[in-house]
Amino acid sequence: MRTYISKLATLVAVPMCLSLPQFSYAETPTLQTKDPVIHLSDNLDEEASLGWCIDTVGRGKSDKLHAHSCKPEGDDVLFSFSPESGLIESATYEGVCMAYNAPEDATTPFGLIACDDADARQHFSYDATSMELRLASDPSQCVTVAATIDDAGPYQSRDLVLGACDELEPGFKQWVVKE
């Protein structure tokens, strides 16, 4: 009789669990990077729980940007955002800023180029409430990361891309700006 009741309970419980909404809770990264830094608020499956920072591709200075594990050391993940100008500037490499300068490049549309306040490709807006980093020239577009994670030495990386804000999951588009 007990076996019958146990099987009956399982037959009833499993379909009920499958019909309930599934919730995913964000995991806060354990950031070890010094400021200034711009990182995702959600750890988003970074295997060492370091989080995801805007970073130069490769070691040191590069003209391409991606998202990378927020390294405990390494100055190529240090970026500051100026709300007044809308520029995202490297804190390590003087006079270079993030730009949406290669929109035709599906994997690395963001680059690091000489700062130019007149260049609309370098202007971003940041809303601290929604935590969205948007193109100033097209506020419907958010800076986001790709779903695919790549190995990057002892760390991980993701493509840093642009996406329609309304179509993105919060974990992929919510950034923390730490000065």
C-alpha atoms as a PDB file:
ATOM      1  CA  MET A   1       0.000   0.000   0.000  1.00  0.00           C
ATOM      2  CA  ARG A   2       2.839   2.411   0.864  1.00  0.00           C
ATOM      3  CA  THR A   3       4.494   1.773  -2.498  1.00  0.00           C
ATOM      4  CA  TYR A   4       1.224   2.543  -4.281  1.00  0.00           C
ATOM      5  CA  ILE A   5       0.771   5.823  -2.345  1.00  0.00           C
ATOM      6  CA  SER A   6       4.393   6.802  -2.959  1.00  0.00           C
ATOM      7  CA  LYS A   7       4.024   6.190  -6.718  1.00  0.00           C
ATOM      8  CA  LEU A   8       0.723   8.073  -6.765  1.00  0.00           C
ATOM      9  CA  ALA A   9       2.304  11.037  -4.966  1.00  0.00           C
ATOM     10  CA  THR A  10       5.145  11.078  -7.505  1.00  0.00           C
ATOM     11  CA  LEU A  11       2.717  10.927 -10.427  1.00  0.00           C
ATOM     12  CA  VAL A  12       0.844  13.930  -9.039  1.00  0.00           C
ATOM     13  CA  ALA A  13       3.867  15.956  -7.848  1.00  0.00           C
ATOM     14  CA  VAL A  14       6.023  15.770 -10.986  1.00  0.00           C
ATOM     15  CA  PRO A  15       3.460  17.275 -13.401  1.00  0.00           C
ATOM     16  CA  MET A  16       2.649  19.981 -10.846  1.00  0.00           C
ATOM     17  CA  CYS A  17       6.320  20.946 -10.558  1.00  0.00           C
ATOM     18  CA  LEU A  18       6.685  21.051 -14.328  1.00  0.00           C
ATOM     19  CA  SER A  19       3.711  23.361 -14.663  1.00  0.00           C
ATOM     20  CA  LEU A  20       4.994  25.888 -12.126  1.00  0.00           C
ATOM     21  CA  PRO A  21       6.981  28.837 -13.468  1.00  0.00           C
ATOM     22  CA  GLN A  22      10.734  28.373 -13.319  1.00  0.00           C
ATOM     23  CA  PHE A  23      12.670  31.202 -11.698  1.00  0.00           C
ATOM     24  CA  SER A  24      16.306  32.017 -12.208  1.00  0.00           C
ATOM     25  CA  TYR A  25      18.036  34.079  -9.585  1.00  0.00           C
ATOM     26  CA  ALA A  26      20.990  36.274 -10.415  1.00  0.00           C
ATOM     27  CA  GLU A  27      24.300  35.437  -8.829  1.00  0.00           C
ATOM     28  CA  THR A  28      26.409  38.402  -7.783  1.00  0.00           C
ATOM     29  CA  PRO A  29      30.047  38.099  -8.866  1.00  0.00           C
ATOM     30  CA  THR A  30      32.885  38.141  -6.354  1.00  0.00           C
ATOM     31  CA  LEU A  31      34.690  41.071  -7.906  1.00  0.00           C
ATOM     32  CA  GLN A  32      38.433  41.243  -7.193  1.00  0.00           C
ATOM     33  CA  THR A  33      39.252  43.923  -9.779  1.00  0.00           C
ATOM     34  CA  LYS A  34      40.270  47.371  -8.584  1.00  0.00           C
ATOM     35  CA  ASP A  35      38.275  50.446  -9.651  1.00  0.00           C
ATOM     36  CA  PRO A  36      37.409  51.975 -12.045  1.00  0.00           C
ATOM     37  CA  VAL A  37      35.624  49.103 -13.715  1.00  0.00           C
ATOM     38  CA  ILE A  38      32.438  48.410 -15.661  1.00  0.00           C
ATOM     39  CA  HIS A  39      31.087  44.907 -15.044  1.00  0.00           C
ATOM     40  CA  LEU A  40      27.872  42.913 -15.366  1.00  0.00           C
ATOM     41  CA  SER A  41      25.834  42.804 -12.171  1.00  0.00           C
ATOM     42  CA  ASP A  42      25.174  39.074 -12.686  1.00  0.00           C
ATOM     43  CA  ASN A  43      28.006  36.557 -12.579  1.00  0.00           C
ATOM     44  CA  LEU A  44      26.285  34.922 -15.592  1.00  0.00           C
ATOM     45  CA  ASP A  45      28.013  31.536 -15.305  1.00  0.00           C
ATOM     46  CA  GLU A  46      31.595  32.830 -15.035  1.00  0.00           C
ATOM     47  CA  GLU A  47      33.157  29.659 -13.610  1.00  0.00           C
ATOM     48  CA  ALA A  48      35.358  31.324 -10.939  1.00  0.00           C
ATOM     49  CA  SER A  49      32.555  33.778  -9.919  1.00  0.00           C
ATOM     50  CA  LEU A  50      34.780  36.704 -10.952  1.00  0.00           C
ATOM     51  CA  GLY A  51      32.084  38.344 -13.087  1.00  0.00           C
ATOM     52  CA  TRP A  52      32.362  39.923 -16.549  1.00  0.00           C
ATOM     53  CA  CYS A  53      34.218  43.189 -17.263  1.00  0.00           C
ATOM     54  CA  ILE A  54      34.684  45.256 -20.393  1.00  0.00           C
ATOM     55  CA  ASP A  55      38.198  44.315 -21.526  1.00  0.00           C
ATOM     56  CA  THR A  56      40.640  44.633 -24.405  1.00  0.00           C
ATOM     57  CA  VAL A  57      40.990  41.544 -26.602  1.00  0.00           C
ATOM     58  CA  GLY A  58      44.300  39.789 -25.932  1.00  0.00           C
ATOM     59  CA  ARG A  59      46.920  40.899 -23.445  1.00  0.00           C
ATOM     60  CA  GLY A  60      47.463  44.597 -22.921  1.00  0.00           C
ATOM     61  CA  LYS A  61      46.345  47.339 -25.282  1.00  0.00           C
ATOM     62  CA  SER A  62      44.213  46.328 -28.244  1.00  0.00           C
ATOM     63  CA  ASP A  63      41.892  48.115 -30.637  1.00  0.00           C
ATOM     64  CA  LYS A  64      39.103  45.554 -30.027  1.00  0.00           C
ATOM     65  CA  LEU A  65      36.957  45.025 -26.939  1.00  0.00           C
ATOM     66  CA  HIS A  66      35.102  42.061 -25.473  1.00  0.00           C
ATOM     67  CA  ALA A  67      33.814  40.971 -22.068  1.00  0.00           C
ATOM     68  CA  HIS A  68      36.280  39.013 -19.966  1.00  0.00           C
ATOM     69  CA  SER A  69      36.457  37.487 -16.508  1.00  0.00           C
ATOM     70  CA  CYS A  70      37.119  40.379 -14.130  1.00  0.00           C
ATOM     71  CA  LYS A  71      40.736  39.551 -13.453  1.00  0.00           C
ATOM     72  CA  PRO A  72      42.179  40.200  -9.996  1.00  0.00           C
ATOM     73  CA  GLU A  73      45.207  41.680 -11.770  1.00  0.00           C
ATOM     74  CA  GLY A  74      45.603  43.235 -15.179  1.00  0.00           C
ATOM     75  CA  ASP A  75      44.917  46.817 -16.083  1.00  0.00           C
ATOM     76  CA  ASP A  76      43.195  46.164 -19.414  1.00  0.00           C
ATOM     77  CA  VAL A  77      39.808  45.779 -17.662  1.00  0.00           C
ATOM     78  CA  LEU A  78      39.926  49.244 -16.088  1.00  0.00           C
ATOM     79  CA  PHE A  79      37.428  51.645 -17.662  1.00  0.00           C
ATOM     80  CA  SER A  80      35.625  54.728 -16.423  1.00  0.00           C
ATOM     81  CA  PHE A  81      32.381  56.275 -17.605  1.00  0.00           C
ATOM     82  CA  SER A  82      31.813  60.021 -17.722  1.00  0.00           C
ATOM     83  CA  PRO A  83      28.086  60.826 -17.487  1.00  0.00           C
ATOM     84  CA  GLU A  84      28.794  64.389 -18.648  1.00  0.00           C
ATOM     85  CA  SER A  85      30.496  63.449 -21.913  1.00  0.00           C
ATOM     86  CA  GLY A  86      29.100  59.919 -22.344  1.00  0.00           C
ATOM     87  CA  LEU A  87      32.607  58.596 -23.007  1.00  0.00           C
ATOM     88  CA  ILE A  88      33.919  55.275 -21.678  1.00  0.00           C
ATOM     89  CA  GLU A  89      37.649  55.780 -21.318  1.00  0.00           C
ATOM     90  CA  SER A  90      40.430  53.337 -20.564  1.00  0.00           C
ATOM     91  CA  ALA A  91      41.910  54.094 -17.146  1.00  0.00           C
ATOM     92  CA  THR A  92      45.166  52.430 -18.192  1.00  0.00           C
ATOM     93  CA  TYR A  93      45.784  53.579 -21.746  1.00  0.00           C
ATOM     94  CA  GLU A  94      45.584  57.356 -21.856  1.00  0.00           C
ATOM     95  CA  GLY A  95      43.389  59.011 -24.430  1.00  0.00           C
ATOM     96  CA  VAL A  96      41.545  55.940 -25.780  1.00  0.00           C
ATOM     97  CA  CYS A  97      37.822  55.333 -25.507  1.00  0.00           C
ATOM     98  CA  MET A  98      35.291  52.618 -26.238  1.00  0.00           C
ATOM     99  CA  ALA A  99      33.500  53.067 -29.567  1.00  0.00           C
ATOM    100  CA  TYR A 100      30.843  51.227 -31.538  1.00  0.00           C
ATOM    101  CA  ASN A 101      33.137  51.531 -34.554  1.00  0.00           C
ATOM    102  CA  ALA A 102      32.697  48.198 -36.349  1.00  0.00           C
ATOM    103  CA  PRO A 103      28.930  47.531 -36.498  1.00  0.00           C
ATOM    104  CA  GLU A 104      29.418  45.100 -39.406  1.00  0.00           C
ATOM    105  CA  ASP A 105      31.615  42.871 -37.184  1.00  0.00           C
ATOM    106  CA  ALA A 106      29.232  40.439 -35.447  1.00  0.00           C
ATOM    107  CA  THR A 107      31.720  39.368 -32.755  1.00  0.00           C
ATOM    108  CA  THR A 108      33.766  42.496 -31.989  1.00  0.00           C
ATOM    109  CA  PRO A 109      31.790  45.591 -32.995  1.00  0.00           C
ATOM    110  CA  PHE A 110      33.296  47.615 -30.127  1.00  0.00           C
ATOM    111  CA  GLY A 111      36.776  49.020 -30.336  1.00  0.00           C
ATOM    112  CA  LEU A 112      39.221  51.126 -28.411  1.00  0.00           C
ATOM    113  CA  ILE A 113      40.142  54.260 -30.375  1.00  0.00           C
ATOM    114  CA  ALA A 114      41.466  57.770 -29.737  1.00  0.00           C
ATOM    115  CA  CYS A 115      38.924  59.674 -27.645  1.00  0.00           C
ATOM    116  CA  ASP A 116      36.996  62.220 -29.691  1.00  0.00           C
ATOM    117  CA  ASP A 117      34.080  64.036 -28.098  1.00  0.00           C
ATOM    118  CA  ALA A 118      32.721  64.830 -31.575  1.00  0.00           C
ATOM    119  CA  ASP A 119      32.554  61.125 -32.552  1.00  0.00           C
ATOM    120  CA  ALA A 120      28.957  59.914 -31.963  1.00  0.00           C
ATOM    121  CA  ARG A 121      30.161  56.280 -32.006  1.00  0.00           C
ATOM    122  CA  GLN A 122      31.892  56.950 -28.667  1.00  0.00           C
ATOM    123  CA  HIS A 123      28.880  58.333 -26.800  1.00  0.00           C
ATOM    124  CA  PHE A 124      26.925  56.151 -24.384  1.00  0.00           C
ATOM    125  CA  SER A 125      24.301  56.724 -21.730  1.00  0.00           C
ATOM    126  CA  TYR A 126      24.002  54.858 -18.472  1.00  0.00           C
ATOM    127  CA  ASP A 127      20.824  54.543 -16.442  1.00  0.00           C
ATOM    128  CA  ALA A 128      21.705  53.573 -12.858  1.00  0.00           C
ATOM    129  CA  THR A 129      18.122  52.436 -12.185  1.00  0.00           C
ATOM    130  CA  SER A 130      17.862  49.970 -15.091  1.00  0.00           C
ATOM    131  CA  MET A 131      21.655  49.459 -15.084  1.00  0.00           C
ATOM    132  CA  GLU A 132      21.621  49.628 -18.876  1.00  0.00           C
ATOM    133  CA  LEU A 133      24.486  50.989 -20.941  1.00  0.00           C
ATOM    134  CA  ARG A 134      23.001  52.311 -24.176  1.00  0.00           C
ATOM    135  CA  LEU A 135      24.215  53.887 -27.383  1.00  0.00           C
ATOM    136  CA  ALA A 136      23.535  57.609 -27.047  1.00  0.00           C
ATOM    137  CA  SER A 137      22.721  57.804 -30.772  1.00  0.00           C
ATOM    138  CA  ASP A 138      20.173  54.945 -30.510  1.00  0.00           C
ATOM    139  CA  PRO A 139      18.857  54.482 -26.946  1.00  0.00           C
ATOM    140  CA  SER A 140      16.918  51.359 -27.986  1.00  0.00           C
ATOM    141  CA  GLN A 141      20.267  49.521 -28.276  1.00  0.00           C
ATOM    142  CA  CYS A 142      22.093  48.172 -25.197  1.00  0.00           C
ATOM    143  CA  VAL A 143      25.656  47.007 -24.685  1.00  0.00           C
ATOM    144  CA  THR A 144      25.357  43.300 -23.907  1.00  0.00           C
ATOM    145  CA  VAL A 145      27.332  40.079 -23.905  1.00  0.00           C
ATOM    146  CA  ALA A 146      26.896  37.043 -26.120  1.00  0.00           C
ATOM    147  CA  ALA A 147      25.503  33.827 -24.666  1.00  0.00           C
ATOM    148  CA  THR A 148      28.556  31.819 -25.730  1.00  0.00           C
ATOM    149  CA  ILE A 149      31.458  31.578 -23.286  1.00  0.00           C
ATOM    150  CA  ASP A 150      34.983  31.022 -24.647  1.00  0.00           C
ATOM    151  CA  ASP A 151      38.106  29.918 -22.796  1.00  0.00           C
ATOM    152  CA  ALA A 152      40.654  32.704 -22.394  1.00  0.00           C
ATOM    153  CA  GLY A 153      43.699  31.194 -20.743  1.00  0.00           C
ATOM    154  CA  PRO A 154      42.867  30.635 -17.091  1.00  0.00           C
ATOM    155  CA  TYR A 155      39.819  32.904 -17.517  1.00  0.00           C
ATOM    156  CA  GLN A 156      36.799  33.185 -19.805  1.00  0.00           C
ATOM    157  CA  SER A 157      35.512  35.650 -22.391  1.00  0.00           C
ATOM    158  CA  ARG A 158      32.331  36.557 -24.232  1.00  0.00           C
ATOM    159  CA  ASP A 159      31.729  38.756 -27.236  1.00  0.00           C
ATOM    160  CA  LEU A 160      30.699  42.300 -26.299  1.00  0.00           C
ATOM    161  CA  VAL A 161      27.893  43.178 -28.679  1.00  0.00           C
ATOM    162  CA  LEU A 162      24.875  45.408 -29.154  1.00  0.00           C
ATOM    163  CA  GLY A 163      21.282  44.260 -28.834  1.00  0.00           C
ATOM    164  CA  ALA A 164      17.750  45.592 -28.672  1.00  0.00           C
ATOM    165  CA  CYS A 165      17.278  46.470 -24.988  1.00  0.00           C
ATOM    166  CA  ASP A 166      13.682  45.251 -24.923  1.00  0.00           C
ATOM    167  CA  GLU A 167      14.693  41.793 -26.158  1.00  0.00           C
ATOM    168  CA  LEU A 168      17.569  41.123 -23.739  1.00  0.00           C
ATOM    169  CA  GLU A 169      17.502  39.182 -20.492  1.00  0.00           C
ATOM    170  CA  PRO A 170      18.485  41.423 -17.545  1.00  0.00           C
ATOM    171  CA  GLY A 171      21.603  39.398 -16.663  1.00  0.00           C
ATOM    172  CA  PHE A 172      23.067  40.083 -20.098  1.00  0.00           C
ATOM    173  CA  LYS A 173      22.580  43.875 -20.080  1.00  0.00           C
ATOM    174  CA  GLN A 174      22.754  45.137 -16.488  1.00  0.00           C
ATOM    175  CA  TRP A 175      26.098  46.804 -15.829  1.00  0.00           C
ATOM    176  CA  VAL A 176      27.672  48.223 -12.685  1.00  0.00           C
ATOM    177  CA  VAL A 177      29.838  51.304 -13.127  1.00  0.00           C
ATOM    178  CA  LYS A 178      32.387  51.570 -10.309  1.00  0.00           C
ATOM    179  CA  GLU A 179      34.584  54.648 -10.213  1.00  0.00           C
END
